[in-house]
Amino acid sequence: MLRERHVVEGIRFAAGVASRPSGVVTLWKAASGGKAVGCLPMTPIPELLYAANLLPIALETPEDLSLFPGQIDAWLVGADPPPFPVPPGGIPRFAFPPAAPGNVEEALDRVEALAEWIGVVSGSPASEGVLWKSIRVYAARRALLDALDERIARETAFLTPEERRDIGRASSFLPPEAHSRLLSSLLGIDPEAPALPPEGERGDPLIVLARRLMVP
């Protein structure tokens, strides 16, 4: 099957990010003035980090960590067992309790504690408006990932399993808007097209994120 140019270029870009991610993190930090947070495993609420100008980076192996010499500014350890121990050092660290929250109030306490820690790490706590924007950005990316997988299911030759893994791995290192542009390019759709409706922009966005912690 002859692939369109935008598909070939997207596949090549994703493979480059997956194998050499430190370059895109360096560019993002230089452009944004933000910091990178190593997540073990990936946080279920990356919106909270990104709204405060922190880039969540999911690391699966010690080898992944070696790809980011001196670039990790803080650690976020999830409730699931981390894939490897947090390296020793003096950078900030936040760890979720290992047990799942028993109710929304307990989940909200955890989200608020994380938000407070994020404010200290970033030096600029996110406003409610910026947090809603971050939630929209991540919702748009999830919708594009779903659309990509639907196309793969319809057209089994569209991407090889290795290419799909590279695209997924790139999401662990790219800022969400950049990954959405990559997905839009692969799918051949307008990157500025309206996303799916956000998760309800009423009330407290922290409660929206707290409810996600309740999903098994």
N, C-alpha and C. Protein backbone atom coordinates (compact mmCIF):
# COMPACT_ATOMS: atom_id res chain seq x y z
N MET A 1 0.84 -1.19 0.00
CA MET A 1 0.00 0.00 0.00
C MET A 1 0.88 1.25 0.00
N LEU A 2 0.62 2.16 -0.93
CA LEU A 2 1.37 3.41 -1.02
C LEU A 2 0.83 4.39 0.01
N ARG A 3 1.69 4.80 0.91
CA ARG A 3 1.26 5.69 1.98
C ARG A 3 1.35 7.14 1.55
N GLU A 4 0.41 7.93 2.07
CA GLU A 4 0.45 9.36 1.80
C GLU A 4 1.63 9.98 2.55
N ARG A 5 2.09 11.11 2.01
CA ARG A 5 3.29 11.74 2.56
C ARG A 5 3.11 12.12 4.02
N HIS A 6 1.94 12.66 4.39
CA HIS A 6 1.75 13.10 5.77
C HIS A 6 1.79 11.92 6.74
N VAL A 7 1.39 10.74 6.28
CA VAL A 7 1.45 9.55 7.14
C VAL A 7 2.90 9.13 7.33
N VAL A 8 3.67 9.11 6.25
CA VAL A 8 5.08 8.72 6.33
C VAL A 8 5.84 9.68 7.23
N GLU A 9 5.59 10.97 7.07
CA GLU A 9 6.30 11.95 7.89
C GLU A 9 5.91 11.85 9.36
N GLY A 10 4.63 11.58 9.62
CA GLY A 10 4.18 11.42 11.00
C GLY A 10 4.80 10.20 11.66
N ILE A 11 4.88 9.10 10.92
CA ILE A 11 5.49 7.88 11.45
C ILE A 11 6.97 8.12 11.76
N ARG A 12 7.64 8.82 10.86
CA ARG A 12 9.07 9.09 11.05
C ARG A 12 9.29 10.00 12.27
N PHE A 13 8.45 11.01 12.42
CA PHE A 13 8.57 11.91 13.56
C PHE A 13 8.34 11.16 14.87
N ALA A 14 7.29 10.33 14.92
CA ALA A 14 6.99 9.58 16.14
C ALA A 14 8.14 8.65 16.51
N ALA A 15 8.74 8.01 15.52
CA ALA A 15 9.85 7.10 15.78
C ALA A 15 11.04 7.87 16.34
N GLY A 16 11.29 9.09 15.82
CA GLY A 16 12.39 9.89 16.34
C GLY A 16 12.16 10.31 17.77
N VAL A 17 10.93 10.72 18.10
CA VAL A 17 10.62 11.10 19.48
C VAL A 17 10.74 9.90 20.41
N ALA A 18 10.24 8.74 19.98
CA ALA A 18 10.26 7.54 20.82
C ALA A 18 11.68 7.10 21.13
N SER A 19 12.59 7.27 20.18
CA SER A 19 13.96 6.79 20.39
C SER A 19 14.88 7.85 21.00
N ARG A 20 14.57 9.15 20.74
CA ARG A 20 15.43 10.24 21.24
C ARG A 20 14.55 11.36 21.79
N PRO A 21 13.88 11.11 22.90
CA PRO A 21 12.90 12.09 23.40
C PRO A 21 13.50 13.31 24.07
N SER A 22 14.76 13.27 24.46
CA SER A 22 15.31 14.39 25.22
C SER A 22 15.29 15.68 24.42
N GLY A 23 15.39 15.58 23.09
CA GLY A 23 15.40 16.78 22.27
C GLY A 23 14.11 17.56 22.36
N VAL A 24 12.97 16.86 22.31
CA VAL A 24 11.70 17.58 22.36
C VAL A 24 11.46 18.16 23.75
N VAL A 25 11.94 17.47 24.78
CA VAL A 25 11.80 17.99 26.14
C VAL A 25 12.66 19.24 26.31
N THR A 26 13.87 19.21 25.76
CA THR A 26 14.75 20.39 25.82
C THR A 26 14.10 21.58 25.12
N LEU A 27 13.52 21.35 23.95
CA LEU A 27 12.87 22.43 23.21
C LEU A 27 11.68 22.98 23.98
N TRP A 28 10.88 22.07 24.56
CA TRP A 28 9.70 22.53 25.31
C TRP A 28 10.12 23.36 26.51
N LYS A 29 11.12 22.91 27.24
CA LYS A 29 11.56 23.64 28.43
C LYS A 29 12.12 25.01 28.05
N ALA A 30 12.85 25.07 26.94
CA ALA A 30 13.41 26.35 26.51
C ALA A 30 12.31 27.31 26.07
N ALA A 31 11.29 26.79 25.38
CA ALA A 31 10.23 27.65 24.86
C ALA A 31 9.26 28.09 25.94
N SER A 32 8.99 27.20 26.90
CA SER A 32 7.95 27.47 27.89
C SER A 32 8.49 27.99 29.22
N GLY A 33 9.76 27.70 29.49
CA GLY A 33 10.29 28.02 30.81
C GLY A 33 9.79 27.08 31.88
N GLY A 34 9.16 25.98 31.47
CA GLY A 34 8.59 25.03 32.42
C GLY A 34 9.59 23.98 32.88
N LYS A 35 9.09 23.05 33.68
CA LYS A 35 9.91 21.98 34.23
C LYS A 35 9.33 20.63 33.84
N ALA A 36 10.17 19.60 33.88
CA ALA A 36 9.75 18.24 33.54
C ALA A 36 9.61 17.41 34.81
N VAL A 37 8.51 16.66 34.89
CA VAL A 37 8.24 15.81 36.05
C VAL A 37 8.26 14.35 35.59
N GLY A 38 9.13 13.56 36.17
CA GLY A 38 9.17 12.14 35.88
C GLY A 38 8.04 11.43 36.61
N CYS A 39 7.22 10.68 35.88
CA CYS A 39 6.05 10.02 36.46
C CYS A 39 6.24 8.51 36.43
N LEU A 40 6.07 7.89 37.58
CA LEU A 40 6.25 6.44 37.74
C LEU A 40 5.05 5.82 38.42
N PRO A 41 4.14 5.18 37.72
CA PRO A 41 3.96 5.24 36.26
C PRO A 41 3.27 6.54 35.88
N MET A 42 2.71 6.60 34.68
CA MET A 42 2.08 7.83 34.22
C MET A 42 0.95 8.23 35.14
N THR A 43 0.89 9.51 35.49
CA THR A 43 -0.17 9.99 36.37
C THR A 43 -1.53 9.94 35.67
N PRO A 44 -2.59 9.56 36.39
CA PRO A 44 -3.93 9.55 35.78
C PRO A 44 -4.49 10.95 35.60
N ILE A 45 -3.83 11.96 36.17
CA ILE A 45 -4.34 13.34 36.06
C ILE A 45 -3.22 14.28 35.58
N PRO A 46 -2.72 14.04 34.35
CA PRO A 46 -1.63 14.90 33.85
C PRO A 46 -2.07 16.35 33.65
N GLU A 47 -3.38 16.58 33.51
CA GLU A 47 -3.89 17.94 33.30
C GLU A 47 -3.44 18.89 34.40
N LEU A 48 -3.38 18.37 35.63
CA LEU A 48 -3.02 19.21 36.77
C LEU A 48 -1.58 19.70 36.65
N LEU A 49 -0.71 18.83 36.19
CA LEU A 49 0.69 19.21 36.00
C LEU A 49 0.82 20.21 34.86
N TYR A 50 0.22 19.88 33.73
CA TYR A 50 0.43 20.70 32.54
C TYR A 50 -0.16 22.10 32.70
N ALA A 51 -1.24 22.20 33.47
CA ALA A 51 -1.83 23.52 33.71
C ALA A 51 -0.89 24.44 34.47
N ALA A 52 0.04 23.86 35.22
CA ALA A 52 1.02 24.65 35.99
C ALA A 52 2.37 24.74 35.28
N ASN A 53 2.37 24.49 33.96
CA ASN A 53 3.58 24.59 33.14
C ASN A 53 4.62 23.55 33.54
N LEU A 54 4.14 22.36 33.86
CA LEU A 54 5.00 21.20 34.11
C LEU A 54 4.68 20.14 33.06
N LEU A 55 5.72 19.52 32.52
CA LEU A 55 5.53 18.48 31.49
C LEU A 55 5.66 17.11 32.13
N PRO A 56 4.56 16.33 32.19
CA PRO A 56 4.65 14.97 32.74
C PRO A 56 5.32 14.04 31.74
N ILE A 57 6.31 13.30 32.21
CA ILE A 57 7.04 12.35 31.37
C ILE A 57 6.91 10.97 32.01
N ALA A 58 6.26 10.06 31.30
CA ALA A 58 6.10 8.70 31.82
C ALA A 58 7.35 7.88 31.52
N LEU A 59 7.94 7.32 32.56
CA LEU A 59 9.16 6.52 32.42
C LEU A 59 8.85 5.07 32.78
N GLU A 60 9.21 4.15 31.90
CA GLU A 60 8.86 2.75 32.09
C GLU A 60 10.03 1.91 32.58
N THR A 61 11.25 2.34 32.30
CA THR A 61 12.44 1.56 32.66
C THR A 61 13.56 2.52 33.07
N PRO A 62 14.56 2.01 33.78
CA PRO A 62 15.74 2.85 34.07
C PRO A 62 16.41 3.34 32.79
N GLU A 63 16.29 2.56 31.73
CA GLU A 63 16.87 2.98 30.46
C GLU A 63 16.18 4.24 29.94
N ASP A 64 14.85 4.33 30.18
CA ASP A 64 14.14 5.56 29.80
C ASP A 64 14.72 6.76 30.53
N LEU A 65 15.00 6.59 31.81
CA LEU A 65 15.55 7.69 32.60
C LEU A 65 16.88 8.15 32.04
N SER A 66 17.67 7.22 31.55
CA SER A 66 18.99 7.58 31.02
C SER A 66 18.89 8.46 29.78
N LEU A 67 17.70 8.52 29.16
CA LEU A 67 17.51 9.35 27.97
C LEU A 67 17.36 10.82 28.34
N PHE A 68 17.22 11.13 29.64
CA PHE A 68 16.96 12.51 30.08
C PHE A 68 18.00 12.96 31.10
N PRO A 69 19.26 13.03 30.71
CA PRO A 69 20.29 13.42 31.69
C PRO A 69 20.08 14.83 32.21
N GLY A 70 19.84 14.92 33.52
CA GLY A 70 19.69 16.21 34.16
C GLY A 70 18.42 16.96 33.81
N GLN A 71 17.45 16.33 33.15
CA GLN A 71 16.26 17.04 32.71
C GLN A 71 15.06 16.86 33.63
N ILE A 72 15.09 15.89 34.52
CA ILE A 72 13.96 15.65 35.41
C ILE A 72 14.08 16.57 36.62
N ASP A 73 13.07 17.42 36.81
CA ASP A 73 13.11 18.41 37.88
C ASP A 73 12.34 17.99 39.13
N ALA A 74 11.47 16.97 39.02
CA ALA A 74 10.69 16.49 40.16
C ALA A 74 10.17 15.10 39.82
N TRP A 75 9.71 14.39 40.85
CA TRP A 75 9.18 13.04 40.67
C TRP A 75 7.75 12.96 41.17
N LEU A 76 6.91 12.26 40.42
CA LEU A 76 5.54 11.97 40.84
C LEU A 76 5.35 10.46 40.78
N VAL A 77 5.11 9.85 41.94
CA VAL A 77 4.96 8.40 42.02
C VAL A 77 3.48 8.09 42.19
N GLY A 78 2.92 7.31 41.28
CA GLY A 78 1.51 6.99 41.31
C GLY A 78 1.17 5.94 42.35
N ALA A 79 -0.13 5.63 42.44
CA ALA A 79 -0.58 4.63 43.41
C ALA A 79 -0.16 3.23 43.01
N ASP A 80 -0.04 2.97 41.68
CA ASP A 80 0.41 1.65 41.23
C ASP A 80 1.90 1.49 41.52
N PRO A 81 2.37 0.24 41.65
CA PRO A 81 3.80 0.04 41.90
C PRO A 81 4.64 0.66 40.78
N PRO A 82 5.66 1.47 41.13
CA PRO A 82 6.49 2.08 40.09
C PRO A 82 7.31 1.02 39.36
N PRO A 83 7.63 1.26 38.08
CA PRO A 83 8.40 0.27 37.32
C PRO A 83 9.84 0.15 37.79
N PHE A 84 10.34 1.18 38.49
CA PHE A 84 11.68 1.11 39.08
C PHE A 84 11.73 2.15 40.20
N PRO A 85 12.65 1.99 41.15
CA PRO A 85 12.70 2.92 42.29
C PRO A 85 13.06 4.33 41.83
N VAL A 86 12.54 5.30 42.55
CA VAL A 86 12.91 6.70 42.28
C VAL A 86 14.38 6.88 42.62
N PRO A 87 15.15 7.40 41.69
CA PRO A 87 16.58 7.58 41.96
C PRO A 87 16.80 8.53 43.14
N PRO A 88 17.86 8.32 43.91
CA PRO A 88 18.15 9.22 45.02
C PRO A 88 18.53 10.60 44.49
N GLY A 89 18.31 11.60 45.32
CA GLY A 89 18.63 12.96 44.92
C GLY A 89 17.76 13.94 45.67
N GLY A 90 18.06 15.20 45.53
CA GLY A 90 17.38 16.21 46.30
C GLY A 90 16.22 16.89 45.60
N ILE A 91 15.76 16.37 44.46
CA ILE A 91 14.68 17.05 43.76
C ILE A 91 13.34 16.69 44.40
N PRO A 92 12.32 17.56 44.27
CA PRO A 92 11.02 17.31 44.92
C PRO A 92 10.39 15.99 44.47
N ARG A 93 9.59 15.43 45.38
CA ARG A 93 8.93 14.15 45.09
C ARG A 93 7.55 14.14 45.75
N PHE A 94 6.56 13.62 45.01
CA PHE A 94 5.22 13.44 45.55
C PHE A 94 4.81 12.00 45.29
N ALA A 95 4.23 11.34 46.28
CA ALA A 95 3.79 9.95 46.13
C ALA A 95 2.34 9.82 46.54
N PHE A 96 1.53 9.23 45.66
CA PHE A 96 0.15 8.91 46.00
C PHE A 96 0.13 7.76 47.00
N PRO A 97 -0.86 7.72 47.91
CA PRO A 97 -1.02 6.55 48.77
C PRO A 97 -1.30 5.31 47.90
N PRO A 98 -0.80 4.14 48.32
CA PRO A 98 -0.98 2.94 47.49
C PRO A 98 -2.42 2.47 47.40
N ALA A 99 -3.22 2.69 48.44
CA ALA A 99 -4.61 2.23 48.43
C ALA A 99 -5.47 3.21 47.64
N ALA A 100 -6.43 2.66 46.89
CA ALA A 100 -7.34 3.51 46.11
C ALA A 100 -8.21 4.33 47.05
N PRO A 101 -8.60 5.55 46.67
CA PRO A 101 -9.47 6.35 47.53
C PRO A 101 -10.82 5.68 47.71
N GLY A 102 -11.37 5.78 48.91
CA GLY A 102 -12.63 5.10 49.20
C GLY A 102 -13.85 5.88 48.75
N ASN A 103 -13.70 7.18 48.53
CA ASN A 103 -14.83 8.02 48.11
C ASN A 103 -14.29 9.27 47.43
N VAL A 104 -15.21 10.07 46.89
CA VAL A 104 -14.80 11.25 46.15
C VAL A 104 -14.09 12.25 47.06
N GLU A 105 -14.53 12.37 48.30
CA GLU A 105 -13.91 13.31 49.22
C GLU A 105 -12.45 12.95 49.45
N GLU A 106 -12.18 11.67 49.63
CA GLU A 106 -10.79 11.24 49.83
C GLU A 106 -9.98 11.46 48.55
N ALA A 107 -10.57 11.18 47.40
CA ALA A 107 -9.87 11.43 46.13
C ALA A 107 -9.58 12.90 45.96
N LEU A 108 -10.54 13.76 46.35
CA LEU A 108 -10.33 15.20 46.22
C LEU A 108 -9.20 15.67 47.13
N ASP A 109 -9.11 15.09 48.33
CA ASP A 109 -8.01 15.44 49.23
C ASP A 109 -6.66 15.16 48.55
N ARG A 110 -6.58 14.02 47.83
CA ARG A 110 -5.33 13.67 47.17
C ARG A 110 -5.03 14.63 46.02
N VAL A 111 -6.05 14.98 45.27
CA VAL A 111 -5.85 15.91 44.16
C VAL A 111 -5.43 17.28 44.69
N GLU A 112 -6.06 17.73 45.76
CA GLU A 112 -5.71 19.03 46.33
C GLU A 112 -4.29 19.02 46.89
N ALA A 113 -3.88 17.91 47.49
CA ALA A 113 -2.51 17.80 48.00
C ALA A 113 -1.51 17.84 46.84
N LEU A 114 -1.85 17.14 45.75
CA LEU A 114 -0.99 17.17 44.57
C LEU A 114 -0.93 18.58 43.99
N ALA A 115 -2.08 19.26 43.93
CA ALA A 115 -2.12 20.61 43.38
C ALA A 115 -1.24 21.55 44.21
N GLU A 116 -1.26 21.38 45.52
CA GLU A 116 -0.42 22.22 46.39
C GLU A 116 1.05 21.96 46.12
N TRP A 117 1.43 20.69 45.98
CA TRP A 117 2.82 20.33 45.69
C TRP A 117 3.24 20.89 44.33
N ILE A 118 2.35 20.76 43.34
CA ILE A 118 2.64 21.27 42.00
C ILE A 118 2.89 22.78 42.03
N GLY A 119 2.09 23.49 42.83
CA GLY A 119 2.28 24.93 42.94
C GLY A 119 3.65 25.28 43.47
N VAL A 120 4.15 24.48 44.42
CA VAL A 120 5.48 24.72 44.98
C VAL A 120 6.55 24.44 43.93
N VAL A 121 6.40 23.31 43.21
CA VAL A 121 7.40 22.94 42.20
C VAL A 121 7.45 23.94 41.07
N SER A 122 6.28 24.35 40.59
CA SER A 122 6.23 25.24 39.43
C SER A 122 6.45 26.70 39.80
N GLY A 123 6.11 27.05 41.03
CA GLY A 123 6.21 28.44 41.45
C GLY A 123 5.05 29.29 40.97
N SER A 124 4.08 28.66 40.27
CA SER A 124 2.94 29.42 39.75
C SER A 124 1.72 28.51 39.69
N PRO A 125 0.96 28.43 40.77
CA PRO A 125 -0.24 27.58 40.77
C PRO A 125 -1.17 27.94 39.62
N ALA A 126 -1.80 26.92 39.05
CA ALA A 126 -2.67 27.12 37.89
C ALA A 126 -4.00 27.72 38.32
N SER A 127 -4.52 28.63 37.51
CA SER A 127 -5.85 29.18 37.75
C SER A 127 -6.90 28.18 37.29
N GLU A 128 -8.14 28.40 37.70
CA GLU A 128 -9.23 27.51 37.30
C GLU A 128 -9.39 27.51 35.79
N GLY A 129 -9.29 28.70 35.16
CA GLY A 129 -9.44 28.78 33.72
C GLY A 129 -8.37 28.00 32.98
N VAL A 130 -7.13 28.11 33.43
CA VAL A 130 -6.03 27.38 32.79
C VAL A 130 -6.21 25.89 32.99
N LEU A 131 -6.70 25.49 34.15
CA LEU A 131 -6.92 24.07 34.40
C LEU A 131 -7.99 23.50 33.48
N TRP A 132 -9.10 24.26 33.28
CA TRP A 132 -10.12 23.80 32.34
C TRP A 132 -9.53 23.68 30.93
N LYS A 133 -8.69 24.64 30.55
CA LYS A 133 -8.05 24.57 29.23
C LYS A 133 -7.21 23.31 29.11
N SER A 134 -6.45 22.97 30.15
CA SER A 134 -5.63 21.76 30.13
C SER A 134 -6.50 20.52 30.02
N ILE A 135 -7.62 20.50 30.72
CA ILE A 135 -8.54 19.37 30.64
C ILE A 135 -9.05 19.21 29.21
N ARG A 136 -9.38 20.34 28.55
CA ARG A 136 -9.84 20.28 27.16
C ARG A 136 -8.76 19.73 26.24
N VAL A 137 -7.52 20.17 26.45
CA VAL A 137 -6.41 19.73 25.60
C VAL A 137 -6.22 18.22 25.70
N TYR A 138 -6.26 17.70 26.91
CA TYR A 138 -6.08 16.25 27.07
C TYR A 138 -7.29 15.47 26.56
N ALA A 139 -8.48 16.02 26.70
CA ALA A 139 -9.67 15.36 26.16
C ALA A 139 -9.59 15.27 24.64
N ALA A 140 -9.10 16.34 24.00
CA ALA A 140 -8.95 16.34 22.55
C ALA A 140 -7.95 15.27 22.12
N ARG A 141 -6.86 15.13 22.86
CA ARG A 141 -5.88 14.11 22.49
C ARG A 141 -6.44 12.71 22.66
N ARG A 142 -7.18 12.47 23.73
CA ARG A 142 -7.78 11.14 23.91
C ARG A 142 -8.74 10.82 22.77
N ALA A 143 -9.50 11.84 22.31
CA ALA A 143 -10.43 11.62 21.20
C ALA A 143 -9.67 11.26 19.93
N LEU A 144 -8.54 11.92 19.69
CA LEU A 144 -7.75 11.62 18.50
C LEU A 144 -7.12 10.23 18.59
N LEU A 145 -6.67 9.83 19.77
CA LEU A 145 -6.14 8.47 19.93
C LEU A 145 -7.22 7.43 19.67
N ASP A 146 -8.43 7.69 20.14
CA ASP A 146 -9.55 6.77 19.86
C ASP A 146 -9.81 6.70 18.36
N ALA A 147 -9.77 7.85 17.69
CA ALA A 147 -10.00 7.87 16.25
C ALA A 147 -8.90 7.11 15.51
N LEU A 148 -7.66 7.24 15.98
CA LEU A 148 -6.56 6.50 15.36
C LEU A 148 -6.77 5.00 15.50
N ASP A 149 -7.14 4.55 16.70
CA ASP A 149 -7.34 3.12 16.91
C ASP A 149 -8.53 2.59 16.12
N GLU A 150 -9.55 3.41 15.96
CA GLU A 150 -10.68 3.00 15.14
C GLU A 150 -10.26 2.81 13.69
N ARG A 151 -9.41 3.71 13.20
CA ARG A 151 -8.94 3.56 11.82
C ARG A 151 -8.06 2.33 11.67
N ILE A 152 -7.20 2.08 12.66
CA ILE A 152 -6.35 0.89 12.61
C ILE A 152 -7.21 -0.37 12.57
N ALA A 153 -8.30 -0.36 13.34
CA ALA A 153 -9.20 -1.53 13.36
C ALA A 153 -9.86 -1.73 11.99
N ARG A 154 -10.19 -0.63 11.31
CA ARG A 154 -10.81 -0.72 9.99
C ARG A 154 -9.81 -1.06 8.90
N GLU A 155 -8.60 -0.49 9.03
CA GLU A 155 -7.57 -0.65 8.00
C GLU A 155 -6.33 -1.24 8.66
N THR A 156 -6.26 -2.54 8.69
CA THR A 156 -5.19 -3.21 9.45
C THR A 156 -3.80 -2.91 8.89
N ALA A 157 -3.71 -2.46 7.64
CA ALA A 157 -2.41 -2.15 7.05
C ALA A 157 -2.03 -0.68 7.24
N PHE A 158 -2.88 0.09 7.91
CA PHE A 158 -2.62 1.52 8.05
C PHE A 158 -1.33 1.77 8.84
N LEU A 159 -1.16 1.07 9.97
CA LEU A 159 0.05 1.17 10.77
C LEU A 159 0.47 -0.22 11.21
N THR A 160 1.78 -0.44 11.30
CA THR A 160 2.26 -1.69 11.87
C THR A 160 2.19 -1.59 13.39
N PRO A 161 2.20 -2.71 14.10
CA PRO A 161 2.20 -2.65 15.57
C PRO A 161 3.36 -1.83 16.13
N GLU A 162 4.54 -1.92 15.51
CA GLU A 162 5.68 -1.15 15.98
C GLU A 162 5.44 0.35 15.79
N GLU A 163 4.85 0.72 14.66
CA GLU A 163 4.55 2.14 14.42
C GLU A 163 3.53 2.66 15.43
N ARG A 164 2.53 1.85 15.72
CA ARG A 164 1.53 2.27 16.72
C ARG A 164 2.18 2.42 18.09
N ARG A 165 3.11 1.54 18.43
CA ARG A 165 3.80 1.66 19.73
C ARG A 165 4.62 2.94 19.78
N ASP A 166 5.30 3.29 18.70
CA ASP A 166 6.08 4.52 18.68
C ASP A 166 5.18 5.74 18.87
N ILE A 167 4.01 5.73 18.24
CA ILE A 167 3.08 6.85 18.37
C ILE A 167 2.58 6.95 19.81
N GLY A 168 2.28 5.81 20.41
CA GLY A 168 1.87 5.82 21.81
C GLY A 168 2.99 6.24 22.73
N ARG A 169 4.19 5.78 22.47
CA ARG A 169 5.34 6.15 23.31
C ARG A 169 5.63 7.64 23.19
N ALA A 170 5.44 8.19 22.01
CA ALA A 170 5.67 9.63 21.83
C ALA A 170 4.76 10.46 22.74
N SER A 171 3.59 9.92 23.05
CA SER A 171 2.67 10.65 23.92
C SER A 171 3.22 10.78 25.34
N SER A 172 4.17 9.93 25.71
CA SER A 172 4.77 10.01 27.05
C SER A 172 5.76 11.15 27.17
N PHE A 173 6.16 11.73 26.05
CA PHE A 173 7.22 12.74 26.08
C PHE A 173 6.81 14.08 25.47
N LEU A 174 5.86 14.06 24.54
CA LEU A 174 5.46 15.30 23.88
C LEU A 174 4.42 16.05 24.71
N PRO A 175 4.43 17.38 24.66
CA PRO A 175 3.29 18.10 25.22
C PRO A 175 2.02 17.71 24.47
N PRO A 176 0.87 17.72 25.12
CA PRO A 176 -0.34 17.16 24.50
C PRO A 176 -0.75 17.85 23.20
N GLU A 177 -0.56 19.17 23.09
CA GLU A 177 -0.92 19.83 21.83
C GLU A 177 -0.07 19.32 20.68
N ALA A 178 1.24 19.10 20.93
CA ALA A 178 2.13 18.61 19.88
C ALA A 178 1.74 17.19 19.48
N HIS A 179 1.38 16.36 20.46
CA HIS A 179 0.98 15.00 20.12
C HIS A 179 -0.34 15.01 19.36
N SER A 180 -1.24 15.91 19.69
CA SER A 180 -2.50 16.03 18.96
C SER A 180 -2.25 16.44 17.51
N ARG A 181 -1.29 17.34 17.29
CA ARG A 181 -0.97 17.72 15.91
C ARG A 181 -0.42 16.54 15.13
N LEU A 182 0.40 15.72 15.79
CA LEU A 182 0.91 14.51 15.16
C LEU A 182 -0.23 13.58 14.78
N LEU A 183 -1.15 13.35 15.70
CA LEU A 183 -2.28 12.46 15.43
C LEU A 183 -3.16 13.02 14.32
N SER A 184 -3.40 14.32 14.35
CA SER A 184 -4.21 14.95 13.30
C SER A 184 -3.56 14.77 11.93
N SER A 185 -2.24 14.92 11.88
CA SER A 185 -1.52 14.75 10.63
C SER A 185 -1.64 13.31 10.12
N LEU A 186 -1.47 12.35 11.00
CA LEU A 186 -1.60 10.94 10.60
C LEU A 186 -2.99 10.63 10.06
N LEU A 187 -4.00 11.23 10.69
CA LEU A 187 -5.38 10.97 10.31
C LEU A 187 -5.82 11.83 9.12
N GLY A 188 -5.02 12.84 8.77
CA GLY A 188 -5.37 13.70 7.66
C GLY A 188 -6.55 14.59 7.94
N ILE A 189 -6.64 15.09 9.20
CA ILE A 189 -7.76 15.95 9.55
C ILE A 189 -7.23 17.30 10.02
N ASP A 190 -8.11 18.26 10.09
CA ASP A 190 -7.74 19.62 10.49
C ASP A 190 -7.37 19.63 11.96
N PRO A 191 -6.13 20.02 12.30
CA PRO A 191 -5.74 20.03 13.72
C PRO A 191 -6.52 21.06 14.53
N GLU A 192 -7.15 22.02 13.85
CA GLU A 192 -7.92 23.04 14.56
C GLU A 192 -9.40 22.69 14.62
N ALA A 193 -9.77 21.50 14.16
CA ALA A 193 -11.18 21.11 14.21
C ALA A 193 -11.65 21.04 15.65
N PRO A 194 -12.92 21.36 15.92
CA PRO A 194 -13.42 21.31 17.30
C PRO A 194 -13.25 19.93 17.92
N ALA A 195 -12.82 19.89 19.15
CA ALA A 195 -12.67 18.62 19.86
C ALA A 195 -14.02 18.18 20.40
N LEU A 196 -14.04 16.98 20.94
CA LEU A 196 -15.24 16.53 21.63
C LEU A 196 -15.52 17.45 22.82
N PRO A 197 -16.76 17.55 23.25
CA PRO A 197 -17.07 18.42 24.39
C PRO A 197 -16.21 18.07 25.59
N PRO A 198 -15.73 19.06 26.34
CA PRO A 198 -14.93 18.77 27.53
C PRO A 198 -15.76 18.07 28.59
N GLU A 199 -15.10 17.73 29.67
CA GLU A 199 -15.73 16.90 30.70
C GLU A 199 -16.64 17.73 31.62
N GLY A 200 -17.25 18.76 31.06
CA GLY A 200 -18.18 19.55 31.86
C GLY A 200 -17.48 20.66 32.60
N GLU A 201 -17.55 21.88 32.11
CA GLU A 201 -16.84 22.99 32.73
C GLU A 201 -17.74 23.73 33.71
N ARG A 202 -18.28 22.99 34.64
CA ARG A 202 -19.10 23.57 35.69
C ARG A 202 -18.57 23.10 37.03
N GLY A 203 -18.60 23.99 37.98
CA GLY A 203 -18.14 23.61 39.31
C GLY A 203 -16.63 23.63 39.39
N ASP A 204 -16.07 22.79 40.21
CA ASP A 204 -14.65 22.75 40.52
C ASP A 204 -13.95 21.74 39.61
N PRO A 205 -12.96 22.17 38.78
CA PRO A 205 -12.26 21.20 37.93
C PRO A 205 -11.50 20.15 38.72
N LEU A 206 -11.12 20.47 39.95
CA LEU A 206 -10.43 19.47 40.77
C LEU A 206 -11.34 18.28 41.07
N ILE A 207 -12.64 18.52 41.17
CA ILE A 207 -13.56 17.41 41.41
C ILE A 207 -13.64 16.50 40.19
N VAL A 208 -13.60 17.11 38.99
CA VAL A 208 -13.58 16.31 37.76
C VAL A 208 -12.39 15.36 37.78
N LEU A 209 -11.23 15.88 38.17
CA LEU A 209 -10.03 15.05 38.21
C LEU A 209 -10.08 14.05 39.37
N ALA A 210 -10.67 14.44 40.48
CA ALA A 210 -10.79 13.52 41.62
C ALA A 210 -11.64 12.32 41.25
N ARG A 211 -12.72 12.54 40.51
CA ARG A 211 -13.58 11.44 40.12
C ARG A 211 -12.84 10.43 39.24
N ARG A 212 -11.85 10.92 38.49
CA ARG A 212 -11.08 10.00 37.66
C ARG A 212 -10.28 9.03 38.51
N LEU A 213 -9.82 9.50 39.67
CA LEU A 213 -9.08 8.61 40.57
C LEU A 213 -9.94 7.47 41.09
N MET A 214 -11.24 7.67 41.02
CA MET A 214 -12.16 6.64 41.53
C MET A 214 -12.38 5.52 40.52
N VAL A 215 -11.99 5.75 39.24
CA VAL A 215 -12.22 4.73 38.20
C VAL A 215 -11.16 3.66 38.34
N PRO A 216 -11.57 2.38 38.47
CA PRO A 216 -10.57 1.31 38.65
C PRO A 216 -9.76 1.09 37.39
